[in-house]
Protein backbone atom coordinates (compact mmCIF):
# COMPACT_ATOMS: atom_id res chain seq x y z
CA UNK A 1 92.38 114.77 102.47
CA UNK A 2 89.53 113.76 100.16
CA UNK A 3 91.85 111.53 98.09
CA UNK A 4 93.17 109.93 101.28
CA UNK A 5 89.65 109.45 102.64
CA UNK A 6 88.52 107.77 99.41
CA UNK A 7 91.42 105.32 99.66
CA UNK A 8 90.70 104.25 103.26
CA UNK A 9 86.91 104.58 103.70
CA UNK A 10 86.27 100.90 102.89
CA UNK A 11 88.98 99.93 105.37
CA UNK A 12 87.19 101.96 108.01
CA UNK A 13 83.88 100.22 107.26
CA UNK A 14 85.58 96.83 107.63
CA UNK A 15 87.15 97.92 110.92
CA UNK A 16 83.73 99.04 112.21
CA UNK A 17 82.17 95.71 111.19
CA UNK A 18 84.92 93.14 111.81
CA UNK A 19 87.51 94.93 113.89
CA UNK A 20 91.21 95.12 112.97
CA UNK A 21 91.08 92.38 110.34
CA UNK A 22 94.35 91.03 108.87
CA UNK A 23 92.66 91.15 105.44
CA UNK A 24 93.35 94.92 105.49
CA UNK A 25 97.12 94.44 105.82
CA UNK A 26 99.10 94.66 102.59
CA UNK A 27 101.67 91.92 101.97
CA UNK A 28 104.46 94.51 101.84
CA UNK A 29 103.81 95.43 105.48
CA UNK A 30 103.79 91.79 106.57
CA UNK A 31 107.10 91.17 104.78
CA UNK A 32 108.69 94.34 106.17
CA UNK A 33 107.71 93.47 109.75
CA UNK A 34 108.08 89.69 109.90
CA UNK A 35 109.97 88.27 106.94
CA UNK A 36 113.12 90.33 106.42
CA UNK A 37 115.32 87.26 106.00
CA UNK A 38 113.06 85.66 103.41
CA UNK A 39 112.86 88.89 101.39
CA UNK A 40 116.65 89.27 101.53
CA UNK A 41 117.12 85.67 100.39
CA UNK A 42 114.79 86.24 97.42
CA UNK A 43 116.67 89.39 96.49
CA UNK A 44 119.97 87.48 96.66
CA UNK A 45 118.59 84.79 94.35
CA UNK A 46 117.32 87.42 91.90
CA UNK A 47 120.79 88.97 91.82
CA UNK A 48 122.30 85.52 91.28
CA UNK A 49 119.95 84.92 88.34
CA UNK A 50 120.96 88.26 86.81
CA UNK A 51 124.62 87.33 87.24
CA UNK A 52 124.01 83.93 85.62
CA UNK A 53 122.19 85.62 82.72
CA UNK A 54 125.17 87.92 82.21
CA UNK A 55 127.62 85.01 82.39
CA UNK A 56 125.53 83.07 79.86
CA UNK A 57 125.42 86.02 77.49
CA UNK A 58 129.18 86.51 77.76
CA UNK A 59 129.86 82.79 77.25
CA UNK A 60 127.62 82.78 74.16
CA UNK A 61 129.36 85.83 72.67
CA UNK A 62 132.78 84.32 73.46
CA UNK A 63 131.78 81.13 71.64
CA UNK A 64 130.70 83.12 68.58
CA UNK A 65 134.05 84.94 68.58
CA UNK A 66 135.95 81.66 68.95
CA UNK A 67 134.04 80.08 66.06
CA UNK A 68 134.17 83.30 64.00
CA UNK A 69 130.53 82.54 63.28
CA UNK A 70 128.56 84.98 61.14
CA UNK A 71 124.84 85.04 61.86
CA UNK A 72 122.46 84.60 58.97
CA UNK A 73 119.69 87.06 58.24
CA UNK A 74 117.06 84.97 60.05
CA UNK A 75 119.40 83.75 62.82
CA UNK A 76 119.60 85.06 66.37
CA UNK A 77 122.55 84.56 68.70
CA UNK A 78 121.39 82.02 71.29
CA UNK A 79 123.13 79.55 73.62
CA UNK A 80 121.53 76.64 71.74
CA UNK A 81 122.83 77.85 68.39
CA UNK A 82 126.36 78.22 69.74
CA UNK A 83 126.27 74.81 71.46
CA UNK A 84 125.21 73.18 68.19
CA UNK A 85 128.02 74.94 66.32
CA UNK A 86 130.56 74.03 69.00
CA UNK A 87 129.54 70.37 68.88
CA UNK A 88 129.99 70.41 65.12
CA UNK A 89 133.43 72.01 65.50
CA UNK A 90 134.42 69.37 68.08
CA UNK A 91 133.31 66.58 65.76
CA UNK A 92 135.30 68.06 62.87
CA UNK A 93 138.49 68.50 64.94
CA UNK A 94 141.11 65.91 64.04
CA UNK A 95 143.32 66.46 67.10
CA UNK A 96 142.45 66.65 70.80
CA UNK A 97 144.28 69.96 71.06
CA UNK A 98 142.08 71.46 68.34
CA UNK A 99 138.87 70.38 70.08
CA UNK A 100 139.89 71.60 73.56
CA UNK A 101 138.88 75.31 73.19
CA UNK A 102 135.55 74.29 71.66
CA UNK A 103 134.85 71.89 74.53
CA UNK A 104 135.77 74.56 77.09
CA UNK A 105 133.45 77.09 75.43
CA UNK A 106 130.63 74.54 75.34
CA UNK A 107 131.11 73.73 79.03
CA UNK A 108 131.07 77.44 79.90
CA UNK A 109 127.66 77.85 78.24
CA UNK A 110 126.27 74.71 79.86
CA UNK A 111 127.58 75.74 83.28
CA UNK A 112 125.95 79.17 83.04
CA UNK A 113 122.67 77.60 81.90
CA UNK A 114 122.76 75.14 84.82
CA UNK A 115 123.47 77.92 87.31
CA UNK A 116 120.59 80.01 85.97
CA UNK A 117 118.20 77.04 86.00
CA UNK A 118 119.07 76.05 89.60
CA UNK A 119 118.77 79.61 90.92
CA UNK A 120 115.39 80.04 89.15
CA UNK A 121 114.13 76.82 90.73
CA UNK A 122 115.28 78.00 94.16
CA UNK A 123 113.67 81.40 93.59
CA UNK A 124 110.33 79.83 92.67
CA UNK A 125 110.43 77.70 95.83
CA UNK A 126 111.32 80.62 98.08
CA UNK A 127 108.66 82.87 96.54
CA UNK A 128 106.04 80.14 97.02
CA UNK A 129 107.12 79.63 100.63
CA UNK A 130 106.97 83.36 101.31
CA UNK A 131 103.45 83.57 99.86
CA UNK A 132 102.35 80.70 102.09
CA UNK A 133 104.04 82.27 105.13
CA UNK A 134 102.21 85.55 104.55
CA UNK A 135 98.86 83.75 104.37
CA UNK A 136 99.69 81.68 107.44
CA UNK A 137 100.76 84.78 109.36
CA UNK A 138 97.47 86.47 108.54
CA UNK A 139 94.98 83.61 108.77
CA UNK A 140 96.62 80.51 110.22
CA UNK A 141 96.91 76.99 108.77
CA UNK A 142 93.28 75.92 108.89
CA UNK A 143 92.10 77.86 105.81
CA UNK A 144 95.19 76.83 103.88
CA UNK A 145 94.86 73.14 104.69
CA UNK A 146 91.05 72.82 104.72
CA UNK A 147 90.69 72.24 100.98
CA UNK A 148 93.74 69.96 100.87
CA UNK A 149 92.38 67.90 103.76
CA UNK A 150 89.02 67.52 102.05
CA UNK A 151 90.68 66.38 98.82
CA UNK A 152 92.94 64.04 100.79
CA UNK A 153 89.98 62.46 102.61
CA UNK A 154 88.13 61.95 99.32
CA UNK A 155 91.19 60.47 97.61
CA UNK A 156 91.79 58.04 100.48
CA UNK A 157 88.15 56.90 100.38
CA UNK A 158 88.35 56.23 96.62
CA UNK A 159 91.68 54.45 97.10
CA UNK A 160 90.16 52.19 99.75
CA UNK A 161 87.25 51.29 97.43
CA UNK A 162 89.61 50.35 94.60
CA UNK A 163 91.88 48.33 96.87
CA UNK A 164 88.83 46.38 98.07
CA UNK A 165 88.25 45.05 94.54
CA UNK A 166 89.55 41.51 94.02
CA UNK A 167 90.39 41.81 90.32
CA UNK A 168 90.57 45.45 89.21
CA UNK A 169 90.93 46.03 85.48
CA UNK A 170 93.70 48.12 83.92
CA UNK A 171 91.71 51.37 84.12
CA UNK A 172 91.09 50.79 87.81
CA UNK A 173 94.81 50.07 88.35
CA UNK A 174 95.76 53.28 86.58
CA UNK A 175 93.27 55.24 88.66
CA UNK A 176 94.62 53.65 91.83
CA UNK A 177 98.17 54.66 90.90
CA UNK A 178 97.02 58.21 90.17
CA UNK A 179 95.20 58.37 93.53
CA UNK A 180 98.32 57.23 95.38
CA UNK A 181 100.29 59.97 93.67
CA UNK A 182 97.65 62.59 94.52
CA UNK A 183 97.60 61.47 98.13
CA UNK A 184 101.38 61.79 98.34
CA UNK A 185 101.25 65.32 96.89
CA UNK A 186 98.46 66.43 99.22
CA UNK A 187 100.17 64.99 102.30
CA UNK A 188 103.39 66.73 101.28
CA UNK A 189 101.55 70.05 100.90
CA UNK A 190 99.84 69.74 104.28
CA UNK A 191 103.15 68.80 105.90
CA UNK A 192 104.84 71.79 104.26
CA UNK A 193 102.15 74.17 105.53
CA UNK A 194 102.46 72.70 109.02
CA UNK A 195 106.26 73.04 108.86
CA UNK A 196 106.10 76.64 107.65
CA UNK A 197 103.60 77.52 110.36
CA UNK A 198 106.34 76.90 112.91
CA UNK A 199 108.55 79.43 111.12
CA UNK A 200 106.05 82.31 111.00
CA UNK A 201 105.93 82.80 114.77
CA UNK A 202 102.18 82.54 115.21
CA UNK A 203 99.26 84.55 113.91
CA UNK A 204 99.21 88.33 113.78
CA UNK A 205 97.56 89.56 116.98
CA UNK A 206 94.80 92.17 116.98
CA UNK A 207 97.15 94.81 118.37
CA UNK A 208 99.76 94.01 115.70
CA UNK A 209 97.10 94.17 112.99
CA UNK A 210 95.90 97.53 114.32
CA UNK A 211 99.45 98.90 114.26
CA UNK A 212 100.09 97.77 110.67
CA UNK A 213 96.71 99.00 109.37
CA UNK A 214 97.20 102.42 110.96
CA UNK A 215 100.73 102.49 109.54
CA UNK A 216 99.28 101.85 106.10
CA UNK A 217 96.77 104.69 106.53
CA UNK A 218 99.53 106.97 107.80
CA UNK A 219 101.73 106.15 104.79
CA UNK A 220 98.83 106.85 102.43
CA UNK A 221 98.22 110.33 103.82
CA UNK A 222 101.98 111.05 103.78
CA UNK A 223 102.06 109.97 100.13
CA UNK A 224 99.24 112.42 99.32
CA UNK A 225 100.91 115.25 101.24
CA UNK A 226 104.28 114.66 99.58
CA UNK A 227 102.65 114.66 96.15
CA UNK A 228 101.18 118.10 96.74
CA UNK A 229 104.35 119.33 98.43
CA UNK A 230 106.48 118.21 95.48
CA UNK A 231 104.14 120.04 93.10
CA UNK A 232 104.65 123.26 95.11
CA UNK A 233 108.40 122.68 95.24
CA UNK A 234 108.60 122.27 91.45
CA UNK A 235 106.59 125.51 91.03
CA UNK A 236 108.93 127.44 93.35
CA UNK A 237 112.02 126.01 91.65
CA UNK A 238 110.63 127.09 88.29
CA UNK A 239 110.23 130.67 89.58
CA UNK A 240 113.81 130.82 90.87
CA UNK A 241 115.19 129.22 87.70
CA UNK A 242 113.50 131.98 85.68
CA UNK A 243 114.92 134.61 88.03
CA UNK A 244 118.37 133.07 87.68
CA UNK A 245 118.16 133.05 83.90
CA UNK A 246 117.16 136.73 83.90
CA UNK A 247 119.49 138.14 86.58
CA UNK A 248 122.50 135.84 86.79
CA UNK A 249 124.49 138.63 85.00
CA UNK A 250 124.27 142.20 86.28
CA UNK A 251 123.54 145.10 83.93
CA UNK A 252 127.10 146.38 84.47
CA UNK A 253 128.60 143.02 83.51
CA UNK A 254 126.39 142.87 80.40
CA UNK A 255 127.54 146.35 79.38
CA UNK A 256 131.19 145.37 79.86
CA UNK A 257 130.71 142.25 77.75
CA UNK A 258 128.93 144.29 75.06
CA UNK A 259 131.79 146.80 75.02
CA UNK A 260 134.31 143.96 74.63
CA UNK A 261 132.33 142.51 71.72
CA UNK A 262 132.21 145.92 70.03
CA UNK A 263 135.95 146.36 70.46
CA UNK A 264 136.60 142.92 69.00
CA UNK A 265 134.31 143.65 66.08
CA UNK A 266 136.08 146.99 65.50
CA UNK A 267 139.48 145.31 65.51
CA UNK A 268 138.28 142.69 63.02
CA UNK A 269 136.86 145.35 60.67
CA UNK A 270 140.10 147.33 60.89
CA UNK A 271 142.10 144.25 59.89
CA UNK A 272 139.76 143.69 56.96
CA UNK A 273 140.29 147.32 55.88
């Protein structure tokens, strides 16, 4: 109970001061309750990356076997090394038929690399979107867009000043181009946050926050109880394992086995004379 109390006492102080604040909700609880699909999609992409890694490793090893390439002392088997060797083998091939297996092996490596790269890019995007969705679900879009809106307003003001100049020098032109790019990025970010806000289904209500916070506190006390329970279970199992080791064979069975051993030993000594 003391361990559990230590882990939640600051939560309780926050609840007393600010009510059931979403700041007390762990991301895992938000994902579990509101973003099942997003979490499943991320897991699918992670599995796809693992599959692409395996395919790349197999394609690299297959290329080494095809080339009968022996690694040097300082060399490590990598896709780049095999692609370089395959390109050299293709260049040295006199006939199209000779080059075909090398080209196929090279394409297999490149295809696996492309698949891995694309899935990693998708994973990064989905993870970023999920992080934003969690923040939006807890706090809404204002906090997330406030800084971006301030930067956007400042960038637009500077852009207007530069555009008002009749003959800007090269440095001013470069700065103007950079500002236009920054404005585009900021507008895209704000638009993305606004778009994602529609997907999160609104802010967490006070009653929902209360339910999730209490669920967290409940899970924490269950975790403490199970830890102590498992300690007791291990102790009891140890006692019964010792009893089993001592009494798995009855005294009668031990005597019968001992008698059989003695008989066998007697027979062996008789044979030896």
